[in-house]
Amino acid sequence: MNEKPNVLRPTTTDDLLDIIAGHRSVLPVGNRTKPGCSPCPDDAAGNFDRPALVSLTELSGIIEYEPSEFTFTAHAGTRVTEIVEILKAKNQYLPFDPLLVDAGATLGGTVASNAAGPGRFRYGGVRDFLLAVCLITGDGKTIRAGAKVVKNSAGFDIPKLIVGSLGRLGVMTEFTFKVFPVPSARTTIQVRCRSHDEAIEQMSVAASARWELDAIDYRVAEKTICYRVAGPKPSNDLIAGEILDRSSGNADVISLETSDRYWTSVRELSFTGPGAIVVKVPTTTTSFLELADAFADNSNVEMHLSVAGSLTWLAIQSVPALLDVEKTLGELSLAGLVFRGPVETMWLGQRRRYEIDRSIKQAMDPANKFPSLWPDD
């Protein structure tokens, strides 16, 4: 693989505009905690112009924070850790559990990669908390969309559109988010299952129960479900008691320390070894079971199921094993997004193409300054 490309780091908006104007193609990035989402392929085929990587980490800081309004506005290069600490001082937080916070993820990278964690189950994902965005187009225009208040629905909803866009529609420079109060207590119940089918059945029942669980995740290798409950402790205890009663002795309330380690391992994608290639795969409970069956005897692939079955994380231990994963995802008509690992393509498996995607790309990036939505375009 070629040497890592140089990364440009503008310190002002004018610097950023000059970089966009001075390069044929640019790809905005953050702190590169998810390098799989911003691969920079070489030009061995002779027909690929490598885009200039533009990091927004120097354009950081909180612009405005209104605790009484439960909103904040910050630059795209702001580390999520900074946001977390400032919100914590006012007993507030981002309930969707942003990923890779300890690793140094930025706000812009979180939005661009749609990096929501286990809390997405109850509260929704990144797009459900993003109120407004400022982005720069390929021809140097500044677009401000959304509003810095919660009750506003005027105009085209560009903030939701750019979530998960991976820097292909423009350079996002600042965001406004809504936040929630921190729950007074959290409780995690671990349930041991005899099979993946039993786990799926139990999670499906729990997801539709009256408990309003905070998170539902499943550690595949251990065949254990973790339910997280958030709210007043007496209420948590009642819900935990009901879950324990229904689990016939196969469940326990785990300690706060063990609980923190578990949920941190999911949030930081550290449930696997540091050198693994980590891939995010949107799934249903049915497609998860198909994946679990396909990789049952493959020691090079670890799995973690999140959001009650809506998202499967694959941790691949070697580049050769990646070929097996690519083939399996294609056969099951699933698409995977590489979050971490030494790869030169971000998409695996079968990704559906829609004409509306091309239309949006043309409308948002008429100058064609940003890489294609499709790796082979």
Protein backbone atom coordinates (compact mmCIF):
# COMPACT_ATOMS: atom_id res chain seq x y z
CA MET A 1 0.00 0.00 0.00
CA ASN A 2 1.22 3.50 -0.78
CA GLU A 3 2.37 5.94 1.87
CA LYS A 4 -0.33 7.74 3.76
CA PRO A 5 -1.35 10.90 1.89
CA ASN A 6 -0.70 14.32 3.36
CA VAL A 7 -3.66 15.86 5.15
CA LEU A 8 -4.40 19.57 4.76
CA ARG A 9 -5.49 21.35 7.94
CA PRO A 10 -7.10 24.77 7.36
CA THR A 11 -7.25 27.04 10.40
CA THR A 12 -9.87 29.45 9.06
CA THR A 13 -12.87 29.28 6.76
CA ASP A 14 -10.96 31.35 4.21
CA ASP A 15 -8.17 28.74 4.24
CA LEU A 16 -10.79 26.07 3.63
CA LEU A 17 -12.30 27.98 0.71
CA ASP A 18 -8.84 28.40 -0.84
CA ILE A 19 -8.17 24.67 -0.54
CA ILE A 20 -11.49 23.77 -2.15
CA ALA A 21 -10.88 26.23 -4.99
CA GLY A 22 -7.28 25.11 -5.49
CA HIS A 23 -7.86 21.35 -5.86
CA ARG A 24 -9.70 19.36 -8.47
CA SER A 25 -11.12 17.03 -5.83
CA VAL A 26 -11.27 17.20 -2.02
CA LEU A 27 -12.43 14.83 0.70
CA PRO A 28 -13.19 16.34 4.13
CA VAL A 29 -12.18 14.27 7.16
CA GLY A 30 -12.02 14.70 10.92
CA ASN A 31 -9.58 13.06 13.30
CA ARG A 32 -9.59 9.87 11.18
CA THR A 33 -10.80 7.60 13.97
CA LYS A 34 -12.83 5.85 11.26
CA PRO A 35 -10.29 5.71 8.41
CA GLY A 36 -12.30 3.09 6.56
CA CYS A 37 -14.93 5.77 5.88
CA SER A 38 -12.40 7.98 4.09
CA PRO A 39 -10.16 5.65 2.06
CA CYS A 40 -7.73 7.24 -0.36
CA PRO A 41 -7.11 4.68 -3.14
CA ASP A 42 -3.94 4.83 -5.19
CA ASP A 43 -3.98 5.53 -8.91
CA ALA A 44 -2.52 2.19 -9.99
CA ALA A 45 -5.25 1.85 -12.59
CA GLY A 46 -4.20 5.14 -14.10
CA ASN A 47 -7.71 6.61 -14.01
CA PHE A 48 -8.16 7.84 -10.46
CA ASP A 49 -7.18 11.29 -9.26
CA ARG A 50 -6.55 11.06 -5.55
CA PRO A 51 -8.58 13.69 -3.68
CA ALA A 52 -6.91 16.06 -1.27
CA LEU A 53 -7.74 15.07 2.30
CA VAL A 54 -8.87 18.12 4.27
CA SER A 55 -9.06 17.74 8.04
CA LEU A 56 -11.28 20.15 9.94
CA THR A 57 -9.70 19.45 13.33
CA GLU A 58 -8.29 22.98 13.53
CA LEU A 59 -11.77 24.44 13.02
CA SER A 60 -13.08 23.42 16.43
CA GLY A 61 -14.81 24.73 19.51
CA ILE A 62 -18.29 25.34 20.83
CA ILE A 63 -19.93 28.40 19.31
CA GLU A 64 -23.04 28.58 21.45
CA TYR A 65 -24.55 26.51 24.24
CA GLU A 66 -28.00 27.13 25.70
CA PRO A 67 -28.56 24.65 28.55
CA SER A 68 -32.07 25.98 29.18
CA GLU A 69 -32.95 25.34 25.52
CA PHE A 70 -31.15 21.98 25.45
CA THR A 71 -29.19 22.93 22.32
CA PHE A 72 -25.59 23.66 21.37
CA THR A 73 -23.76 24.79 18.24
CA ALA A 74 -20.18 23.76 17.53
CA HIS A 75 -17.60 23.64 14.75
CA ALA A 76 -17.25 20.37 12.84
CA GLY A 77 -13.71 19.72 14.05
CA THR A 78 -14.70 19.77 17.72
CA ARG A 79 -13.88 16.54 19.52
CA VAL A 80 -16.93 14.83 20.91
CA THR A 81 -15.10 14.47 24.23
CA GLU A 82 -15.19 18.26 24.57
CA ILE A 83 -18.92 18.26 23.89
CA VAL A 84 -19.48 15.44 26.39
CA GLU A 85 -17.63 17.25 29.17
CA ILE A 86 -19.41 20.56 28.67
CA LEU A 87 -22.81 18.89 28.57
CA LYS A 88 -21.95 16.79 31.63
CA ALA A 89 -21.38 19.94 33.68
CA LYS A 90 -25.04 20.81 33.07
CA ASN A 91 -26.25 17.22 33.56
CA GLN A 92 -27.02 16.84 29.85
CA TYR A 93 -25.87 14.42 27.14
CA LEU A 94 -26.25 13.09 23.59
CA PRO A 95 -28.46 10.02 24.08
CA PHE A 96 -27.56 8.27 20.81
CA ASP A 97 -24.17 7.23 22.23
CA PRO A 98 -21.67 8.72 19.73
CA LEU A 99 -19.03 6.18 18.73
CA LEU A 100 -15.27 6.33 19.30
CA VAL A 101 -15.45 9.25 21.71
CA ASP A 102 -12.39 8.19 23.68
CA ALA A 103 -10.51 7.58 20.42
CA GLY A 104 -10.90 11.26 19.49
CA ALA A 105 -13.90 11.30 17.14
CA THR A 106 -15.00 14.73 15.96
CA LEU A 107 -18.51 16.06 15.63
CA GLY A 108 -18.16 16.28 11.84
CA GLY A 109 -16.93 12.70 11.56
CA THR A 110 -19.79 11.51 13.73
CA VAL A 111 -22.34 13.16 11.46
CA ALA A 112 -20.64 12.18 8.21
CA SER A 113 -20.44 8.49 9.16
CA ASN A 114 -23.75 8.37 11.05
CA ALA A 115 -21.86 6.99 14.04
CA ALA A 116 -24.59 6.26 16.57
CA GLY A 117 -24.22 3.64 19.27
CA PRO A 118 -26.52 1.49 21.42
CA GLY A 119 -28.64 4.44 22.62
CA ARG A 120 -30.06 4.72 19.13
CA PHE A 121 -32.51 1.96 20.07
CA ARG A 122 -34.63 4.15 22.33
CA TYR A 123 -33.82 7.68 21.29
CA GLY A 124 -33.03 7.54 17.57
CA GLY A 125 -29.78 8.18 15.74
CA VAL A 126 -27.64 11.17 14.81
CA ARG A 127 -30.19 12.64 12.39
CA ASP A 128 -32.83 12.71 15.13
CA PHE A 129 -30.72 15.14 17.20
CA LEU A 130 -29.22 17.31 14.45
CA LEU A 131 -31.14 20.58 14.13
CA ALA A 132 -28.99 22.68 11.80
CA VAL A 133 -25.89 22.49 9.65
CA CYS A 134 -23.55 24.85 7.81
CA LEU A 135 -21.71 23.42 4.82
CA ILE A 136 -19.59 24.67 1.93
CA THR A 137 -20.29 23.43 -1.58
CA GLY A 138 -17.72 22.60 -4.23
CA ASP A 139 -18.18 25.99 -5.89
CA GLY A 140 -17.48 27.83 -2.63
CA LYS A 141 -21.03 28.67 -1.60
CA THR A 142 -22.07 28.53 2.05
CA ILE A 143 -25.36 26.81 2.84
CA ARG A 144 -27.06 27.13 6.21
CA ALA A 145 -29.98 24.80 6.74
CA GLY A 146 -32.21 23.96 9.67
CA ALA A 147 -32.71 26.13 12.72
CA LYS A 148 -31.23 26.52 16.18
CA VAL A 149 -34.53 25.72 17.84
CA VAL A 150 -36.28 22.41 18.27
CA LYS A 151 -39.74 23.43 17.04
CA ASN A 152 -39.01 24.39 13.44
CA SER A 153 -39.85 22.44 10.30
CA ALA A 154 -39.56 25.07 7.58
CA GLY A 155 -37.58 24.35 4.42
CA PHE A 156 -35.89 21.29 2.94
CA ASP A 157 -34.39 19.06 5.62
CA ILE A 158 -30.74 19.18 4.55
CA PRO A 159 -29.44 18.39 8.08
CA LYS A 160 -30.95 14.91 7.90
CA LEU A 161 -29.78 14.47 4.31
CA ILE A 162 -26.11 14.98 5.10
CA VAL A 163 -26.04 12.47 7.98
CA GLY A 164 -24.07 9.52 6.65
CA SER A 165 -23.01 11.36 3.48
CA LEU A 166 -19.30 10.66 4.18
CA GLY A 167 -18.16 14.05 2.89
CA ARG A 168 -19.56 13.44 -0.59
CA LEU A 169 -22.04 16.33 -0.66
CA GLY A 170 -20.07 19.21 0.84
CA VAL A 171 -17.74 20.27 3.64
CA MET A 172 -19.73 20.49 6.88
CA THR A 173 -18.32 23.24 9.09
CA GLU A 174 -20.72 23.60 12.03
CA PHE A 175 -23.75 21.92 13.59
CA THR A 176 -26.54 22.57 16.04
CA PHE A 177 -27.72 19.63 18.14
CA LYS A 178 -30.46 19.13 20.68
CA VAL A 179 -29.56 17.28 23.89
CA PHE A 180 -31.34 15.50 26.74
CA PRO A 181 -31.05 15.47 30.55
CA VAL A 182 -28.85 12.67 31.91
CA PRO A 183 -30.95 9.86 33.45
CA SER A 184 -30.69 9.68 37.22
CA ALA A 185 -29.59 6.02 37.15
CA ARG A 186 -28.76 3.19 34.75
CA THR A 187 -29.06 -0.57 35.23
CA THR A 188 -27.79 -3.33 32.95
CA ILE A 189 -29.24 -6.84 32.95
CA GLN A 190 -27.28 -9.63 31.28
CA VAL A 191 -29.24 -12.61 29.93
CA ARG A 192 -27.58 -15.88 28.89
CA CYS A 193 -29.06 -17.66 25.88
CA ARG A 194 -28.68 -21.19 24.53
CA SER A 195 -28.74 -20.16 20.88
CA HIS A 196 -28.88 -17.16 18.57
CA ASP A 197 -32.49 -17.99 17.72
CA GLU A 198 -33.43 -17.85 21.38
CA ALA A 199 -31.59 -14.54 21.75
CA ILE A 200 -33.43 -13.02 18.78
CA GLU A 201 -36.76 -14.18 20.15
CA GLN A 202 -36.04 -12.69 23.58
CA MET A 203 -34.79 -9.40 22.13
CA SER A 204 -37.87 -9.09 19.91
CA VAL A 205 -40.14 -9.54 22.93
CA ALA A 206 -38.14 -7.05 24.99
CA ALA A 207 -38.07 -4.49 22.18
CA SER A 208 -41.86 -4.40 22.00
CA ALA A 209 -42.47 -4.62 25.75
CA ARG A 210 -43.71 -1.73 27.90
CA TRP A 211 -40.30 -1.38 29.56
CA GLU A 212 -38.90 1.26 27.16
CA LEU A 213 -35.39 -0.14 27.41
CA ASP A 214 -32.49 2.22 26.82
CA ALA A 215 -30.40 -0.24 24.77
CA ILE A 216 -30.49 -3.89 23.63
CA ASP A 217 -27.21 -5.47 22.49
CA TYR A 218 -26.05 -9.06 21.96
CA ARG A 219 -22.50 -10.38 22.30
CA VAL A 220 -22.56 -13.18 19.72
CA ALA A 221 -19.59 -15.31 20.83
CA GLU A 222 -20.85 -15.39 24.42
CA LYS A 223 -24.55 -15.73 23.51
CA THR A 224 -25.44 -13.02 26.03
CA ILE A 225 -27.92 -10.17 25.73
CA CYS A 226 -27.41 -6.92 27.62
CA TYR A 227 -30.47 -4.80 28.36
CA ARG A 228 -29.83 -1.27 29.60
CA VAL A 229 -32.49 0.56 31.59
CA ALA A 230 -32.23 4.30 32.26
CA GLY A 231 -34.34 6.36 34.64
CA PRO A 232 -35.14 6.64 38.35
CA LYS A 233 -33.55 3.77 40.27
CA PRO A 234 -36.84 2.43 41.73
CA SER A 235 -38.26 2.19 38.22
CA ASN A 236 -35.09 0.52 36.94
CA ASP A 237 -35.25 -2.01 39.76
CA LEU A 238 -38.85 -2.92 38.94
CA ILE A 239 -38.04 -3.44 35.26
CA ALA A 240 -34.91 -5.44 36.10
CA GLY A 241 -36.98 -7.61 38.42
CA GLU A 242 -39.48 -8.38 35.68
CA ILE A 243 -36.71 -9.31 33.25
CA LEU A 244 -35.06 -11.56 35.83
CA ASP A 245 -38.40 -13.29 36.56
CA ARG A 246 -38.94 -13.99 32.86
CA SER A 247 -35.41 -15.33 32.36
CA SER A 248 -35.73 -18.44 34.58
CA GLY A 249 -32.45 -17.97 36.40
CA ASN A 250 -30.41 -17.22 33.26
CA ALA A 251 -30.02 -13.51 33.97
CA ASP A 252 -28.20 -11.21 36.39
CA VAL A 253 -28.00 -7.51 37.13
CA ILE A 254 -24.35 -6.71 36.53
CA SER A 255 -22.28 -4.23 38.52
CA LEU A 256 -21.95 -0.62 37.43
CA GLU A 257 -18.24 -1.17 36.75
CA THR A 258 -18.89 -4.23 34.56
CA SER A 259 -21.73 -2.39 32.84
CA ASP A 260 -19.51 0.61 32.04
CA ARG A 261 -16.85 -1.67 30.57
CA TYR A 262 -19.37 -3.44 28.40
CA TRP A 263 -21.04 -0.37 26.94
CA THR A 264 -17.67 1.35 26.48
CA SER A 265 -16.45 -1.67 24.50
CA VAL A 266 -19.42 -1.24 22.16
CA ARG A 267 -19.07 2.54 21.89
CA GLU A 268 -15.33 2.38 21.25
CA LEU A 269 -15.54 -0.75 19.02
CA SER A 270 -13.06 -2.37 21.40
CA PHE A 271 -14.99 -5.63 21.81
CA THR A 272 -12.38 -7.00 19.40
CA GLY A 273 -8.61 -6.70 18.97
CA PRO A 274 -7.07 -3.34 18.01
CA GLY A 275 -5.87 -4.57 14.60
CA ALA A 276 -9.21 -5.87 13.36
CA ILE A 277 -11.05 -4.52 10.34
CA VAL A 278 -14.42 -3.35 11.70
CA VAL A 279 -17.43 -3.22 9.40
CA LYS A 280 -20.91 -1.83 10.10
CA VAL A 281 -23.72 -3.84 8.50
CA PRO A 282 -27.39 -2.75 8.71
CA THR A 283 -29.39 -5.92 9.37
CA THR A 284 -32.73 -7.37 10.28
CA THR A 285 -33.03 -10.17 12.80
CA THR A 286 -33.39 -12.58 9.88
CA SER A 287 -30.29 -11.37 8.02
CA PHE A 288 -28.32 -11.39 11.28
CA LEU A 289 -29.13 -15.08 11.78
CA GLU A 290 -28.00 -15.74 8.21
CA LEU A 291 -24.72 -13.93 8.90
CA ALA A 292 -24.23 -15.78 12.18
CA ASP A 293 -24.75 -19.09 10.40
CA ALA A 294 -22.34 -18.13 7.59
CA PHE A 295 -19.55 -17.20 10.01
CA ALA A 296 -20.26 -19.82 12.69
CA ASP A 297 -17.05 -21.75 11.96
CA ASN A 298 -14.93 -18.77 10.91
CA SER A 299 -12.54 -17.85 13.73
CA ASN A 300 -11.39 -14.79 11.77
CA VAL A 301 -14.75 -13.04 12.09
CA GLU A 302 -16.23 -11.78 15.36
CA MET A 303 -19.76 -10.39 15.57
CA HIS A 304 -21.65 -8.01 17.83
CA LEU A 305 -25.35 -7.27 17.38
CA SER A 306 -26.63 -3.85 18.40
CA VAL A 307 -29.86 -1.82 18.44
CA ALA A 308 -32.01 -4.93 19.01
CA GLY A 309 -30.88 -6.47 15.72
CA SER A 310 -30.84 -3.41 13.45
CA LEU A 311 -27.05 -3.23 13.28
CA THR A 312 -24.36 -5.91 13.17
CA TRP A 313 -20.69 -5.15 13.73
CA LEU A 314 -18.23 -7.50 12.04
CA ALA A 315 -14.64 -7.59 13.31
CA ILE A 316 -12.40 -9.22 10.71
CA GLN A 317 -8.98 -10.39 11.83
CA SER A 318 -7.12 -10.40 8.50
CA VAL A 319 -7.26 -8.92 5.02
CA PRO A 320 -7.68 -12.39 3.40
CA ALA A 321 -10.72 -13.01 5.63
CA LEU A 322 -12.16 -9.77 4.27
CA LEU A 323 -12.66 -11.52 0.93
CA ASP A 324 -14.90 -14.11 2.60
CA VAL A 325 -16.92 -11.35 4.23
CA GLU A 326 -17.24 -9.47 0.94
CA LYS A 327 -18.53 -12.60 -0.78
CA THR A 328 -20.97 -13.48 2.02
CA LEU A 329 -22.42 -9.98 2.21
CA GLY A 330 -22.95 -10.02 -1.54
CA GLU A 331 -24.69 -13.39 -1.43
CA LEU A 332 -27.02 -12.16 1.31
CA SER A 333 -27.69 -8.84 -0.48
CA LEU A 334 -26.22 -6.90 2.43
CA ALA A 335 -23.97 -3.85 2.38
CA GLY A 336 -21.17 -3.14 4.86
CA LEU A 337 -19.39 0.14 5.61
CA VAL A 338 -15.78 -0.22 6.74
CA PHE A 339 -15.15 1.86 9.86
CA ARG A 340 -11.66 0.71 10.69
CA GLY A 341 -8.86 -1.19 8.96
CA PRO A 342 -6.26 -1.11 6.15
CA VAL A 343 -8.61 -1.12 3.16
CA GLU A 344 -8.94 0.99 0.03
CA THR A 345 -12.71 0.78 -0.35
CA MET A 346 -15.33 1.75 2.18
CA TRP A 347 -18.20 -0.38 0.87
CA LEU A 348 -18.47 -4.16 0.98
CA GLY A 349 -21.15 -6.48 -0.33
CA GLN A 350 -24.15 -5.37 -2.34
CA ARG A 351 -25.04 -1.71 -2.12
CA ARG A 352 -28.22 -0.73 -3.92
CA ARG A 353 -28.07 2.18 -6.35
CA TYR A 354 -30.92 4.64 -6.64
CA GLU A 355 -31.32 7.32 -9.25
CA ILE A 356 -32.32 9.79 -6.55
CA ASP A 357 -28.82 9.43 -5.08
CA ARG A 358 -27.28 10.66 -8.33
CA SER A 359 -29.79 13.50 -8.49
CA ILE A 360 -28.97 14.60 -4.94
CA LYS A 361 -25.25 14.40 -5.64
CA GLN A 362 -25.65 16.52 -8.78
CA ALA A 363 -27.77 19.08 -6.95
CA MET A 364 -25.49 19.33 -3.91
CA ASP A 365 -22.16 19.08 -5.76
CA PRO A 366 -22.62 20.49 -9.29
CA ALA A 367 -18.89 21.29 -9.48
CA ASN A 368 -18.10 17.60 -8.82
CA LYS A 369 -15.49 18.56 -6.22
CA PHE A 370 -16.15 15.67 -3.88
CA PRO A 371 -15.64 11.95 -4.49
CA SER A 372 -18.45 9.91 -5.97
CA LEU A 373 -21.07 8.15 -3.88
CA TRP A 374 -20.09 5.01 -5.77
CA PRO A 375 -16.54 3.57 -5.80
CA ASP A 376 -16.61 2.60 -9.46
CA ASP A 377 -18.01 5.83 -10.91
